[in-house]
Amino acid sequence: MASAGELRAVIDGTDPGWLDGVDPALLPAARNSALGRRLMARTLAGGTAATLLAPSPKPALDRVLKRWPQVKLRSLVRNLGVLAFAPVIRAEVGREPVRRLKQALDKRYLLALDRQVWDGEVSREREAQLQSVLQDALARTDTTPALLALFNQHGCAELHAWAQLRDPALTEWLALLHPPGHPRPAAHLPPAAVQQLYAVHAGT
């Protein structure tokens, strides 16, 4: 069986929107109760997390939670989102937009420029879509939060598209960390590029 710590990590990380049967006012107490966590796990196992929390969860729960704790998974997601916008980040030459991108991304800005990870080839239509949403984020008063939210959203979509046939338990864990109905833009990163970042993060 999976350890109590791993099960608690799943329950603590799950967005309240997935726990329909739990009174929001009682959720903190339920999460701090072993019985409450088991009941919530049973609810999730019957739906969203059927693979992650199957009756005999080894190796799924053990493997996914040990390899992908929240902080590590969110880092992979953000990097995938940054890489997804590489074509338009590379094309941006305005002094102020570049400054804002570098401020928001720090070292991740170099990832967007790295053609060895991905050459950045997309259709003109897709590039125009990316350019539009990036410019909207850059125009916000609070640019950094807007940019990070944008990259996180697209990174989730890229990882979900790549992992849904390769690791269903990982896609379930990713889903639980976000509200039901979390926007999922169309993915466009080549599988090889996602695999490369996945392998780097999995090994850290």
Protein backbone atom coordinates (compact mmCIF):
# COMPACT_ATOMS: atom_id res chain seq x y z
CA MET A 1 0.00 0.00 0.00
CA ALA A 2 1.04 3.60 -0.51
CA SER A 3 2.34 5.45 2.49
CA ALA A 4 0.09 7.71 4.53
CA GLY A 5 2.41 10.60 3.66
CA GLU A 6 1.93 10.13 -0.07
CA LEU A 7 -1.84 9.86 0.28
CA ARG A 8 -1.88 13.03 2.37
CA ALA A 9 0.23 14.82 -0.24
CA VAL A 10 -2.43 14.01 -2.85
CA ILE A 11 -5.32 15.11 -0.63
CA ASP A 12 -3.56 18.30 0.46
CA GLY A 13 -2.70 19.17 -3.14
CA THR A 14 -6.17 18.48 -4.54
CA ASP A 15 -8.16 21.54 -5.52
CA PRO A 16 -11.39 21.74 -3.43
CA GLY A 17 -13.44 21.73 -6.64
CA TRP A 18 -12.79 18.01 -7.03
CA LEU A 19 -14.24 17.25 -3.59
CA ASP A 20 -17.93 17.81 -4.29
CA GLY A 21 -19.16 15.78 -1.36
CA VAL A 22 -17.18 17.67 1.27
CA ASP A 23 -18.57 20.80 2.94
CA PRO A 24 -15.95 23.54 2.26
CA ALA A 25 -16.20 24.62 5.90
CA LEU A 26 -15.23 21.10 7.00
CA LEU A 27 -12.47 20.58 4.44
CA PRO A 28 -9.52 21.67 6.64
CA ALA A 29 -10.62 19.32 9.43
CA ALA A 30 -11.22 16.48 6.96
CA ARG A 31 -7.75 16.92 5.49
CA ASN A 32 -6.26 16.67 8.99
CA SER A 33 -8.16 13.48 9.78
CA ALA A 34 -6.97 10.04 8.67
CA LEU A 35 -10.59 8.96 8.19
CA GLY A 36 -11.40 12.13 6.28
CA ARG A 37 -8.46 11.62 3.95
CA ARG A 38 -9.50 8.03 3.28
CA LEU A 39 -13.04 9.09 2.44
CA MET A 40 -11.82 11.82 0.11
CA ALA A 41 -9.39 9.39 -1.53
CA ARG A 42 -12.27 6.98 -2.12
CA THR A 43 -14.24 9.75 -3.81
CA LEU A 44 -11.31 10.68 -6.05
CA ALA A 45 -10.53 7.03 -6.83
CA GLY A 46 -14.05 6.64 -8.18
CA GLY A 47 -13.56 9.40 -10.73
CA THR A 48 -10.78 11.84 -11.49
CA ALA A 49 -7.96 9.81 -9.92
CA ALA A 50 -9.05 6.29 -10.84
CA THR A 51 -5.54 5.29 -11.96
CA LEU A 52 -3.56 7.27 -9.40
CA LEU A 53 -5.65 5.98 -6.46
CA ALA A 54 -6.60 2.53 -7.69
CA PRO A 55 -7.36 -0.05 -4.93
CA SER A 56 -3.83 -1.37 -5.27
CA PRO A 57 -2.02 1.90 -6.00
CA LYS A 58 1.53 0.57 -6.26
CA PRO A 59 3.33 1.48 -8.38
CA ALA A 60 1.20 4.41 -9.61
CA LEU A 61 0.79 6.52 -6.46
CA ASP A 62 4.21 5.70 -5.01
CA ARG A 63 5.96 6.31 -8.32
CA VAL A 64 4.16 9.51 -9.27
CA LEU A 65 4.32 11.19 -5.85
CA LYS A 66 7.98 10.31 -5.26
CA ARG A 67 9.03 11.49 -8.69
CA TRP A 68 6.64 14.44 -8.98
CA PRO A 69 6.02 16.31 -5.71
CA GLN A 70 4.08 19.52 -6.28
CA VAL A 71 7.04 21.90 -6.47
CA LYS A 72 8.87 19.75 -9.00
CA LEU A 73 5.80 19.18 -11.15
CA ARG A 74 4.92 22.88 -11.21
CA SER A 75 8.48 23.68 -12.28
CA LEU A 76 8.22 21.26 -15.21
CA VAL A 77 4.84 22.73 -16.17
CA ARG A 78 6.16 26.29 -16.18
CA ASN A 79 9.20 25.34 -18.25
CA LEU A 80 6.97 23.61 -20.79
CA GLY A 81 4.82 26.72 -20.96
CA VAL A 82 7.83 28.95 -21.54
CA LEU A 83 9.08 26.61 -24.25
CA ALA A 84 5.64 26.60 -25.89
CA PHE A 85 5.96 30.37 -26.33
CA ALA A 86 9.53 30.20 -27.62
CA PRO A 87 8.64 31.23 -31.19
CA VAL A 88 7.15 34.55 -30.11
CA ILE A 89 9.55 35.17 -27.23
CA ARG A 90 12.44 34.83 -29.68
CA ALA A 91 10.72 37.21 -32.09
CA GLU A 92 10.17 39.91 -29.45
CA VAL A 93 12.79 42.66 -29.81
CA GLY A 94 11.16 45.62 -28.09
CA ARG A 95 13.28 46.84 -25.17
CA GLU A 96 10.43 47.05 -22.66
CA PRO A 97 8.73 43.73 -23.58
CA VAL A 98 12.09 41.95 -23.44
CA ARG A 99 12.82 43.52 -20.06
CA ARG A 100 9.47 42.35 -18.73
CA LEU A 101 9.98 38.85 -20.07
CA LYS A 102 13.44 38.60 -18.52
CA GLN A 103 12.10 39.92 -15.23
CA ALA A 104 9.33 37.33 -15.15
CA LEU A 105 11.35 34.38 -16.41
CA ASP A 106 14.82 34.96 -14.97
CA LYS A 107 16.92 31.94 -16.10
CA ARG A 108 13.96 30.43 -17.93
CA TYR A 109 14.35 33.15 -20.55
CA LEU A 110 17.39 31.24 -21.83
CA LEU A 111 15.25 28.12 -22.22
CA ALA A 112 12.99 29.98 -24.62
CA LEU A 113 16.04 30.90 -26.71
CA ASP A 114 17.54 27.40 -26.79
CA ARG A 115 16.96 25.98 -30.26
CA GLN A 116 18.60 22.69 -29.28
CA VAL A 117 15.56 21.90 -27.14
CA TRP A 118 13.08 22.98 -29.83
CA ASP A 119 13.48 24.83 -33.13
CA GLY A 120 10.24 26.72 -32.53
CA GLU A 121 8.58 25.85 -35.84
CA VAL A 122 4.79 26.45 -35.75
CA SER A 123 2.16 27.42 -38.28
CA ARG A 124 1.55 31.09 -38.98
CA GLU A 125 -1.90 30.78 -37.45
CA ARG A 126 -0.53 29.28 -34.27
CA GLU A 127 2.22 31.88 -34.06
CA ALA A 128 -0.37 34.64 -34.39
CA GLN A 129 -2.42 33.11 -31.55
CA LEU A 130 0.62 32.89 -29.30
CA GLN A 131 1.64 36.44 -30.16
CA SER A 132 -1.83 37.75 -29.32
CA VAL A 133 -2.05 36.21 -25.85
CA LEU A 134 1.57 37.06 -25.04
CA GLN A 135 1.04 40.71 -25.96
CA ASP A 136 -2.08 40.79 -23.82
CA ALA A 137 -0.09 39.53 -20.82
CA LEU A 138 2.74 41.98 -21.49
CA ALA A 139 0.23 44.84 -21.54
CA ARG A 140 -1.07 44.09 -18.05
CA THR A 141 -0.15 46.36 -15.15
CA ASP A 142 1.09 43.35 -13.16
CA THR A 143 3.03 41.79 -16.00
CA THR A 144 4.91 39.08 -14.13
CA PRO A 145 1.84 37.35 -12.58
CA ALA A 146 0.02 37.57 -15.93
CA LEU A 147 2.95 36.01 -17.81
CA LEU A 148 3.49 33.25 -15.26
CA ALA A 149 -0.21 32.37 -15.27
CA LEU A 150 -0.11 32.19 -19.06
CA PHE A 151 2.94 29.93 -19.13
CA ASN A 152 1.54 27.71 -16.37
CA GLN A 153 -1.73 27.28 -18.26
CA HIS A 154 -0.02 26.34 -21.51
CA GLY A 155 2.50 24.13 -19.71
CA CYS A 156 -0.35 22.14 -18.17
CA ALA A 157 -1.86 21.64 -21.60
CA GLU A 158 1.45 20.52 -23.09
CA LEU A 159 2.17 18.02 -20.30
CA HIS A 160 -1.38 16.66 -20.36
CA ALA A 161 -1.28 16.13 -24.13
CA TRP A 162 2.07 14.35 -23.90
CA ALA A 163 1.38 12.24 -20.80
CA GLN A 164 -2.22 11.15 -21.28
CA LEU A 165 -1.19 8.09 -23.33
CA ARG A 166 2.16 7.59 -21.58
CA ASP A 167 1.33 8.04 -17.89
CA PRO A 168 -2.40 8.42 -17.03
CA ALA A 169 -1.63 8.60 -13.30
CA LEU A 170 0.55 11.66 -13.87
CA THR A 171 -2.19 13.40 -15.84
CA GLU A 172 -4.60 12.72 -12.98
CA TRP A 173 -2.20 14.20 -10.42
CA LEU A 174 -1.75 17.23 -12.68
CA ALA A 175 -5.52 17.63 -12.98
CA LEU A 176 -6.08 17.43 -9.21
CA LEU A 177 -3.76 20.39 -8.65
CA HIS A 178 -6.09 22.65 -10.65
CA PRO A 179 -9.81 23.40 -10.49
CA PRO A 180 -12.20 21.31 -12.59
CA GLY A 181 -12.62 22.93 -15.97
CA HIS A 182 -9.15 24.53 -15.81
CA PRO A 183 -8.56 26.01 -19.30
CA ARG A 184 -6.48 23.77 -21.53
CA PRO A 185 -5.21 25.51 -24.68
CA ALA A 186 -4.27 23.45 -27.71
CA ALA A 187 -0.85 21.85 -27.34
CA HIS A 188 1.77 22.17 -30.07
CA LEU A 189 5.14 21.15 -28.65
CA PRO A 190 6.76 18.14 -30.38
CA PRO A 191 6.78 15.03 -28.15
CA ALA A 192 10.59 14.93 -28.28
CA ALA A 193 10.85 18.41 -26.75
CA VAL A 194 8.44 17.53 -23.94
CA GLN A 195 10.28 14.27 -23.36
CA GLN A 196 13.58 16.11 -23.05
CA LEU A 197 12.31 18.49 -20.36
CA TYR A 198 10.46 15.66 -18.62
CA ALA A 199 13.66 13.61 -18.42
CA VAL A 200 15.68 16.54 -17.08
CA HIS A 201 13.17 17.29 -14.34
CA ALA A 202 12.59 13.64 -13.48
CA GLY A 203 16.30 13.22 -12.88
CA THR A 204 16.62 16.20 -10.52
